[in-house]
Amino acid sequence: MNFQVIAYTAFTLVLAAVFAGIIIYYYNPKRKQQVEAPKHRMLDDDE
């Protein structure tokens, strides 16, 4: 294996880890209220 193959493999693994981190951060149960708030705000009646 040459350097180019190792670099592409490392880059792919880093991107996959970043993507997984974003997904885990977004779907964390501690953030549920913050994520759901805009949906409930949209359904509230304007007065």
C-alpha atoms as a PDB file:
ATOM      1  CA  MET A   1       0.000   0.000   0.000  1.00  0.00           C
ATOM      2  CA  ASN A   2       1.309   3.375  -0.925  1.00  0.00           C
ATOM      3  CA  PHE A   3       0.817   6.701   0.837  1.00  0.00           C
ATOM      4  CA  GLN A   4      -2.102   7.737  -1.392  1.00  0.00           C
ATOM      5  CA  VAL A   5      -4.198   4.693  -0.449  1.00  0.00           C
ATOM      6  CA  ILE A   6      -3.475   5.205   3.244  1.00  0.00           C
ATOM      7  CA  ALA A   7      -4.341   8.917   3.002  1.00  0.00           C
ATOM      8  CA  TYR A   8      -7.662   8.251   1.242  1.00  0.00           C
ATOM      9  CA  THR A   9      -8.537   5.544   3.771  1.00  0.00           C
ATOM     10  CA  ALA A  10      -7.693   7.798   6.720  1.00  0.00           C
ATOM     11  CA  PHE A  11      -9.668  10.686   5.218  1.00  0.00           C
ATOM     12  CA  THR A  12     -12.690   8.434   4.672  1.00  0.00           C
ATOM     13  CA  LEU A  13     -12.536   7.153   8.242  1.00  0.00           C
ATOM     14  CA  VAL A  14     -12.242  10.701   9.612  1.00  0.00           C
ATOM     15  CA  LEU A  15     -15.267  11.843   7.588  1.00  0.00           C
ATOM     16  CA  ALA A  16     -17.270   8.822   8.761  1.00  0.00           C
ATOM     17  CA  ALA A  17     -16.339   9.569  12.384  1.00  0.00           C
ATOM     18  CA  VAL A  18     -17.354  13.232  12.012  1.00  0.00           C
ATOM     19  CA  PHE A  19     -20.671  12.223  10.448  1.00  0.00           C
ATOM     20  CA  ALA A  20     -21.333   9.697  13.228  1.00  0.00           C
ATOM     21  CA  GLY A  21     -20.478  12.340  15.819  1.00  0.00           C
ATOM     22  CA  ILE A  22     -22.965  14.789  14.312  1.00  0.00           C
ATOM     23  CA  ILE A  23     -25.693  12.141  14.281  1.00  0.00           C
ATOM     24  CA  ILE A  24     -24.997  11.123  17.887  1.00  0.00           C
ATOM     25  CA  TYR A  25     -24.928  14.771  19.007  1.00  0.00           C
ATOM     26  CA  TYR A  26     -28.196  15.626  17.248  1.00  0.00           C
ATOM     27  CA  TYR A  27     -30.150  12.588  18.442  1.00  0.00           C
ATOM     28  CA  ASN A  28     -28.871  12.746  22.032  1.00  0.00           C
ATOM     29  CA  PRO A  29     -31.847  12.385  24.425  1.00  0.00           C
ATOM     30  CA  LYS A  30     -30.589  15.369  26.441  1.00  0.00           C
ATOM     31  CA  ARG A  31     -31.211  17.626  23.417  1.00  0.00           C
ATOM     32  CA  LYS A  32     -34.751  16.394  22.670  1.00  0.00           C
ATOM     33  CA  GLN A  33     -36.492  19.501  24.055  1.00  0.00           C
ATOM     34  CA  GLN A  34     -34.193  21.825  22.097  1.00  0.00           C
ATOM     35  CA  VAL A  35     -34.666  19.870  18.854  1.00  0.00           C
ATOM     36  CA  GLU A  36     -38.449  19.563  19.237  1.00  0.00           C
ATOM     37  CA  ALA A  37     -39.073  23.207  20.262  1.00  0.00           C
ATOM     38  CA  PRO A  38     -39.328  24.679  16.714  1.00  0.00           C
ATOM     39  CA  LYS A  39     -41.905  22.040  15.747  1.00  0.00           C
ATOM     40  CA  HIS A  40     -44.115  22.898  18.697  1.00  0.00           C
ATOM     41  CA  ARG A  41     -43.613  26.630  18.182  1.00  0.00           C
ATOM     42  CA  MET A  42     -44.797  26.285  14.575  1.00  0.00           C
ATOM     43  CA  LEU A  43     -47.996  24.542  15.704  1.00  0.00           C
ATOM     44  CA  ASP A  44     -48.846  27.135  18.375  1.00  0.00           C
ATOM     45  CA  ASP A  45     -51.598  29.625  17.569  1.00  0.00           C
ATOM     46  CA  ASP A  46     -50.540  33.216  17.052  1.00  0.00           C
ATOM     47  CA  GLU A  47     -52.316  35.636  19.338  1.00  0.00           C
END
